[in-house]
Amino acid sequence: MSILLVETYVLKVEKQAAFEPLLNEFVDYKKSHPGLFDGVLSWKLYKQKYGSVGGMYIEVWEYDSLAQMDLINKRIFEDDVMKRINLEFHQLVEPATFSACVWNSVV
């Protein structure tokens, strides 16, 4: 059964306009470099509309196993372009709102 890396975050108000261009760059890079992302079973991004913290994003990465997640993420985030995208992304996020959890299916 697969595992999910679930990240949640809210963007800084003054940085929201910079998010969409960076997101588009990431999506385009992901599509044009499938080998780099080999082993990522799925990736999805959601934006909360109602309830709890307004404007929260929920990002879900799916992998075969925790060991695979570690190997794949090491490969992805050693890439120079992904290092830069990741750094720029974290500058857009309100630090106190960022969380990352690993989930596994039960049934």
N, C-alpha and C. Protein backbone atom coordinates (compact mmCIF):
# COMPACT_ATOMS: atom_id res chain seq x y z
N MET A 1 0.83 -1.19 0.00
CA MET A 1 0.00 0.00 0.00
C MET A 1 0.88 1.25 0.00
N SER A 2 0.40 2.25 -0.66
CA SER A 2 1.20 3.46 -0.79
C SER A 2 1.12 4.33 0.47
N ILE A 3 2.02 5.29 0.52
CA ILE A 3 2.01 6.28 1.59
C ILE A 3 1.84 7.67 0.96
N LEU A 4 1.33 8.59 1.75
CA LEU A 4 1.11 9.95 1.30
C LEU A 4 1.90 10.92 2.16
N LEU A 5 2.62 11.81 1.51
CA LEU A 5 3.25 12.94 2.18
C LEU A 5 2.28 14.10 2.01
N VAL A 6 1.73 14.58 3.11
CA VAL A 6 0.73 15.64 3.07
C VAL A 6 1.32 16.90 3.71
N GLU A 7 1.42 17.95 2.91
CA GLU A 7 1.94 19.23 3.38
C GLU A 7 0.81 20.25 3.35
N THR A 8 0.70 21.04 4.42
CA THR A 8 -0.30 22.11 4.46
C THR A 8 0.42 23.42 4.73
N TYR A 9 -0.12 24.50 4.15
CA TYR A 9 0.51 25.81 4.33
C TYR A 9 -0.43 26.91 3.88
N VAL A 10 -0.14 28.12 4.35
CA VAL A 10 -0.82 29.34 3.94
C VAL A 10 0.25 30.29 3.42
N LEU A 11 -0.07 30.97 2.34
CA LEU A 11 0.88 31.92 1.76
C LEU A 11 0.85 33.24 2.52
N LYS A 12 1.99 33.90 2.57
CA LYS A 12 2.04 35.25 3.11
C LYS A 12 1.18 36.14 2.21
N VAL A 13 0.43 37.05 2.80
CA VAL A 13 -0.47 37.91 2.03
C VAL A 13 0.29 38.66 0.94
N GLU A 14 1.42 39.22 1.30
CA GLU A 14 2.17 40.04 0.35
C GLU A 14 2.89 39.21 -0.71
N LYS A 15 2.88 37.88 -0.60
CA LYS A 15 3.59 37.01 -1.54
C LYS A 15 2.65 36.19 -2.42
N GLN A 16 1.33 36.36 -2.25
CA GLN A 16 0.39 35.52 -2.97
C GLN A 16 0.50 35.63 -4.49
N ALA A 17 0.78 36.81 -5.00
CA ALA A 17 0.89 37.00 -6.46
C ALA A 17 2.07 36.24 -7.04
N ALA A 18 3.09 35.97 -6.26
CA ALA A 18 4.27 35.27 -6.75
C ALA A 18 4.07 33.75 -6.78
N PHE A 19 3.02 33.27 -6.15
CA PHE A 19 2.81 31.82 -6.04
C PHE A 19 2.46 31.18 -7.37
N GLU A 20 1.51 31.72 -8.10
CA GLU A 20 1.06 31.09 -9.34
C GLU A 20 2.17 30.94 -10.38
N PRO A 21 3.00 31.98 -10.62
CA PRO A 21 4.10 31.78 -11.58
C PRO A 21 5.09 30.69 -11.12
N LEU A 22 5.37 30.63 -9.83
CA LEU A 22 6.28 29.61 -9.33
C LEU A 22 5.65 28.23 -9.44
N LEU A 23 4.37 28.14 -9.13
CA LEU A 23 3.64 26.87 -9.27
C LEU A 23 3.66 26.40 -10.72
N ASN A 24 3.40 27.30 -11.64
CA ASN A 24 3.42 26.95 -13.07
C ASN A 24 4.81 26.49 -13.51
N GLU A 25 5.84 27.14 -12.99
CA GLU A 25 7.20 26.72 -13.30
C GLU A 25 7.45 25.30 -12.81
N PHE A 26 7.01 25.01 -11.59
CA PHE A 26 7.17 23.67 -11.02
C PHE A 26 6.44 22.63 -11.87
N VAL A 27 5.17 22.90 -12.19
CA VAL A 27 4.37 21.95 -12.97
C VAL A 27 5.00 21.71 -14.34
N ASP A 28 5.44 22.76 -15.00
CA ASP A 28 6.10 22.61 -16.30
C ASP A 28 7.40 21.80 -16.18
N TYR A 29 8.17 22.08 -15.13
CA TYR A 29 9.43 21.36 -14.92
C TYR A 29 9.16 19.89 -14.63
N LYS A 30 8.14 19.63 -13.84
CA LYS A 30 7.77 18.25 -13.51
C LYS A 30 7.38 17.49 -14.78
N LYS A 31 6.61 18.14 -15.66
CA LYS A 31 6.19 17.49 -16.91
C LYS A 31 7.37 17.26 -17.86
N SER A 32 8.29 18.20 -17.90
CA SER A 32 9.40 18.10 -18.85
C SER A 32 10.58 17.26 -18.33
N HIS A 33 10.53 16.84 -17.07
CA HIS A 33 11.60 16.02 -16.48
C HIS A 33 11.00 14.80 -15.77
N PRO A 34 10.29 13.94 -16.52
CA PRO A 34 9.62 12.80 -15.87
C PRO A 34 10.57 11.86 -15.16
N GLY A 35 11.79 11.72 -15.64
CA GLY A 35 12.76 10.84 -14.98
C GLY A 35 13.11 11.30 -13.59
N LEU A 36 13.16 12.59 -13.41
CA LEU A 36 13.48 13.14 -12.10
C LEU A 36 12.41 12.78 -11.08
N PHE A 37 11.16 12.73 -11.54
CA PHE A 37 10.02 12.47 -10.66
C PHE A 37 9.56 11.02 -10.73
N ASP A 38 10.37 10.16 -11.35
CA ASP A 38 10.03 8.74 -11.44
C ASP A 38 9.86 8.17 -10.04
N GLY A 39 8.77 7.47 -9.83
CA GLY A 39 8.49 6.89 -8.52
C GLY A 39 7.47 7.68 -7.72
N VAL A 40 7.20 8.93 -8.13
CA VAL A 40 6.11 9.69 -7.51
C VAL A 40 4.85 9.16 -8.17
N LEU A 41 4.00 8.47 -7.40
CA LEU A 41 2.80 7.86 -7.97
C LEU A 41 1.76 8.90 -8.35
N SER A 42 1.67 9.95 -7.55
CA SER A 42 0.76 11.06 -7.88
C SER A 42 1.17 12.28 -7.08
N TRP A 43 0.74 13.43 -7.59
CA TRP A 43 0.94 14.71 -6.90
C TRP A 43 -0.30 15.54 -7.13
N LYS A 44 -0.86 16.07 -6.06
CA LYS A 44 -2.06 16.90 -6.17
C LYS A 44 -1.93 18.09 -5.24
N LEU A 45 -2.56 19.19 -5.64
CA LEU A 45 -2.57 20.40 -4.83
C LEU A 45 -4.01 20.88 -4.72
N TYR A 46 -4.43 21.14 -3.50
CA TYR A 46 -5.79 21.61 -3.23
C TYR A 46 -5.70 22.94 -2.48
N LYS A 47 -6.73 23.78 -2.68
CA LYS A 47 -6.83 25.01 -1.90
C LYS A 47 -8.16 24.97 -1.16
N GLN A 48 -8.09 25.18 0.13
CA GLN A 48 -9.28 25.13 0.96
C GLN A 48 -10.19 26.32 0.67
N LYS A 49 -11.46 26.04 0.49
CA LYS A 49 -12.43 27.10 0.22
C LYS A 49 -13.17 27.53 1.48
N TYR A 50 -13.59 26.58 2.31
CA TYR A 50 -14.37 26.90 3.50
C TYR A 50 -13.83 26.15 4.70
N GLY A 51 -14.01 26.75 5.87
CA GLY A 51 -13.66 26.09 7.11
C GLY A 51 -12.22 26.29 7.53
N SER A 52 -11.98 26.05 8.79
CA SER A 52 -10.66 26.10 9.41
C SER A 52 -9.88 27.34 8.96
N VAL A 53 -8.67 27.16 8.47
CA VAL A 53 -7.82 28.27 8.07
C VAL A 53 -8.10 28.59 6.60
N GLY A 54 -8.66 29.76 6.34
CA GLY A 54 -8.99 30.14 4.97
C GLY A 54 -7.75 30.28 4.11
N GLY A 55 -7.85 29.81 2.86
CA GLY A 55 -6.75 29.94 1.92
C GLY A 55 -5.63 28.93 2.12
N MET A 56 -5.86 27.92 2.95
CA MET A 56 -4.82 26.92 3.18
C MET A 56 -4.67 26.02 1.95
N TYR A 57 -3.44 25.71 1.63
CA TYR A 57 -3.15 24.76 0.56
C TYR A 57 -2.83 23.42 1.19
N ILE A 58 -3.24 22.36 0.49
CA ILE A 58 -2.93 21.00 0.91
C ILE A 58 -2.29 20.31 -0.30
N GLU A 59 -1.04 19.92 -0.12
CA GLU A 59 -0.27 19.30 -1.19
C GLU A 59 -0.05 17.84 -0.81
N VAL A 60 -0.34 16.94 -1.75
CA VAL A 60 -0.27 15.51 -1.47
C VAL A 60 0.63 14.82 -2.50
N TRP A 61 1.69 14.19 -2.00
CA TRP A 61 2.62 13.41 -2.81
C TRP A 61 2.41 11.94 -2.44
N GLU A 62 2.26 11.08 -3.43
CA GLU A 62 2.04 9.65 -3.18
C GLU A 62 3.26 8.84 -3.64
N TYR A 63 3.68 7.92 -2.76
CA TYR A 63 4.83 7.06 -3.03
C TYR A 63 4.48 5.61 -2.67
N ASP A 64 5.30 4.67 -3.13
CA ASP A 64 5.09 3.26 -2.79
C ASP A 64 5.35 2.97 -1.32
N SER A 65 6.39 3.62 -0.77
CA SER A 65 6.79 3.32 0.60
C SER A 65 7.57 4.51 1.17
N LEU A 66 7.78 4.49 2.45
CA LEU A 66 8.57 5.53 3.11
C LEU A 66 10.01 5.52 2.60
N ALA A 67 10.56 4.34 2.42
CA ALA A 67 11.94 4.23 1.90
C ALA A 67 12.02 4.82 0.50
N GLN A 68 11.04 4.53 -0.34
CA GLN A 68 11.01 5.09 -1.70
C GLN A 68 10.86 6.61 -1.65
N MET A 69 10.02 7.11 -0.75
CA MET A 69 9.84 8.55 -0.61
C MET A 69 11.18 9.22 -0.30
N ASP A 70 11.92 8.65 0.62
CA ASP A 70 13.22 9.23 0.98
C ASP A 70 14.17 9.26 -0.21
N LEU A 71 14.27 8.16 -0.95
CA LEU A 71 15.16 8.10 -2.11
C LEU A 71 14.74 9.07 -3.20
N ILE A 72 13.45 9.10 -3.49
CA ILE A 72 12.94 9.95 -4.57
C ILE A 72 13.09 11.42 -4.21
N ASN A 73 12.72 11.80 -2.98
CA ASN A 73 12.84 13.20 -2.57
C ASN A 73 14.30 13.65 -2.55
N LYS A 74 15.20 12.75 -2.16
CA LYS A 74 16.62 13.10 -2.19
C LYS A 74 17.03 13.43 -3.63
N ARG A 75 16.62 12.59 -4.57
CA ARG A 75 16.95 12.82 -5.98
C ARG A 75 16.33 14.13 -6.49
N ILE A 76 15.05 14.35 -6.19
CA ILE A 76 14.35 15.54 -6.68
C ILE A 76 14.99 16.81 -6.13
N PHE A 77 15.22 16.85 -4.84
CA PHE A 77 15.65 18.10 -4.22
C PHE A 77 17.17 18.31 -4.22
N GLU A 78 17.91 17.38 -4.87
CA GLU A 78 19.31 17.63 -5.17
C GLU A 78 19.46 18.30 -6.53
N ASP A 79 18.41 18.28 -7.33
CA ASP A 79 18.40 18.93 -8.64
C ASP A 79 18.45 20.44 -8.44
N ASP A 80 19.32 21.12 -9.18
CA ASP A 80 19.53 22.57 -8.98
C ASP A 80 18.27 23.39 -9.18
N VAL A 81 17.48 23.07 -10.20
CA VAL A 81 16.25 23.83 -10.45
C VAL A 81 15.25 23.60 -9.32
N MET A 82 15.11 22.35 -8.88
CA MET A 82 14.17 22.06 -7.79
C MET A 82 14.64 22.66 -6.46
N LYS A 83 15.95 22.74 -6.25
CA LYS A 83 16.46 23.41 -5.05
C LYS A 83 16.00 24.86 -5.03
N ARG A 84 16.14 25.53 -6.18
CA ARG A 84 15.75 26.94 -6.28
C ARG A 84 14.24 27.11 -6.11
N ILE A 85 13.46 26.28 -6.80
CA ILE A 85 12.00 26.35 -6.68
C ILE A 85 11.58 26.13 -5.24
N ASN A 86 12.16 25.14 -4.59
CA ASN A 86 11.83 24.84 -3.19
C ASN A 86 12.17 26.01 -2.27
N LEU A 87 13.34 26.60 -2.47
CA LEU A 87 13.75 27.75 -1.66
C LEU A 87 12.79 28.92 -1.86
N GLU A 88 12.48 29.23 -3.11
CA GLU A 88 11.55 30.33 -3.40
C GLU A 88 10.17 30.05 -2.83
N PHE A 89 9.72 28.80 -2.94
CA PHE A 89 8.42 28.42 -2.39
C PHE A 89 8.35 28.70 -0.89
N HIS A 90 9.37 28.27 -0.16
CA HIS A 90 9.34 28.44 1.30
C HIS A 90 9.42 29.91 1.71
N GLN A 91 9.90 30.77 0.83
CA GLN A 91 9.89 32.20 1.12
C GLN A 91 8.50 32.81 0.96
N LEU A 92 7.60 32.10 0.28
CA LEU A 92 6.23 32.57 0.07
C LEU A 92 5.29 32.14 1.20
N VAL A 93 5.70 31.14 1.95
CA VAL A 93 4.84 30.51 2.95
C VAL A 93 4.99 31.18 4.31
N GLU A 94 3.86 31.35 4.99
CA GLU A 94 3.86 31.81 6.38
C GLU A 94 4.42 30.66 7.21
N PRO A 95 5.63 30.80 7.77
CA PRO A 95 6.32 29.66 8.39
C PRO A 95 5.51 28.91 9.46
N ALA A 96 4.77 29.62 10.27
CA ALA A 96 4.03 28.96 11.35
C ALA A 96 2.89 28.08 10.83
N THR A 97 2.54 28.21 9.55
CA THR A 97 1.42 27.44 9.00
C THR A 97 1.87 26.18 8.28
N PHE A 98 3.17 26.01 8.06
CA PHE A 98 3.65 24.86 7.29
C PHE A 98 3.70 23.61 8.16
N SER A 99 3.14 22.52 7.64
CA SER A 99 3.28 21.23 8.31
C SER A 99 3.43 20.15 7.25
N ALA A 100 4.11 19.09 7.62
CA ALA A 100 4.29 17.94 6.74
C ALA A 100 4.05 16.68 7.57
N CYS A 101 3.19 15.80 7.05
CA CYS A 101 2.84 14.56 7.73
C CYS A 101 2.88 13.42 6.72
N VAL A 102 3.17 12.23 7.19
CA VAL A 102 3.12 11.05 6.34
C VAL A 102 1.93 10.21 6.78
N TRP A 103 1.11 9.85 5.81
CA TRP A 103 -0.09 9.04 6.04
C TRP A 103 0.05 7.71 5.31
N ASN A 104 -0.53 6.66 5.88
CA ASN A 104 -0.62 5.41 5.16
C ASN A 104 -2.07 4.94 5.19
N SER A 105 -2.45 4.18 4.17
CA SER A 105 -3.84 3.72 4.12
C SER A 105 -4.06 2.60 5.13
N VAL A 106 -5.26 2.53 5.64
CA VAL A 106 -5.61 1.55 6.65
C VAL A 106 -6.40 0.39 6.01
N VAL A 107 -7.28 0.73 5.11
CA VAL A 107 -8.12 -0.29 4.48
C VAL A 107 -7.96 -0.22 2.99
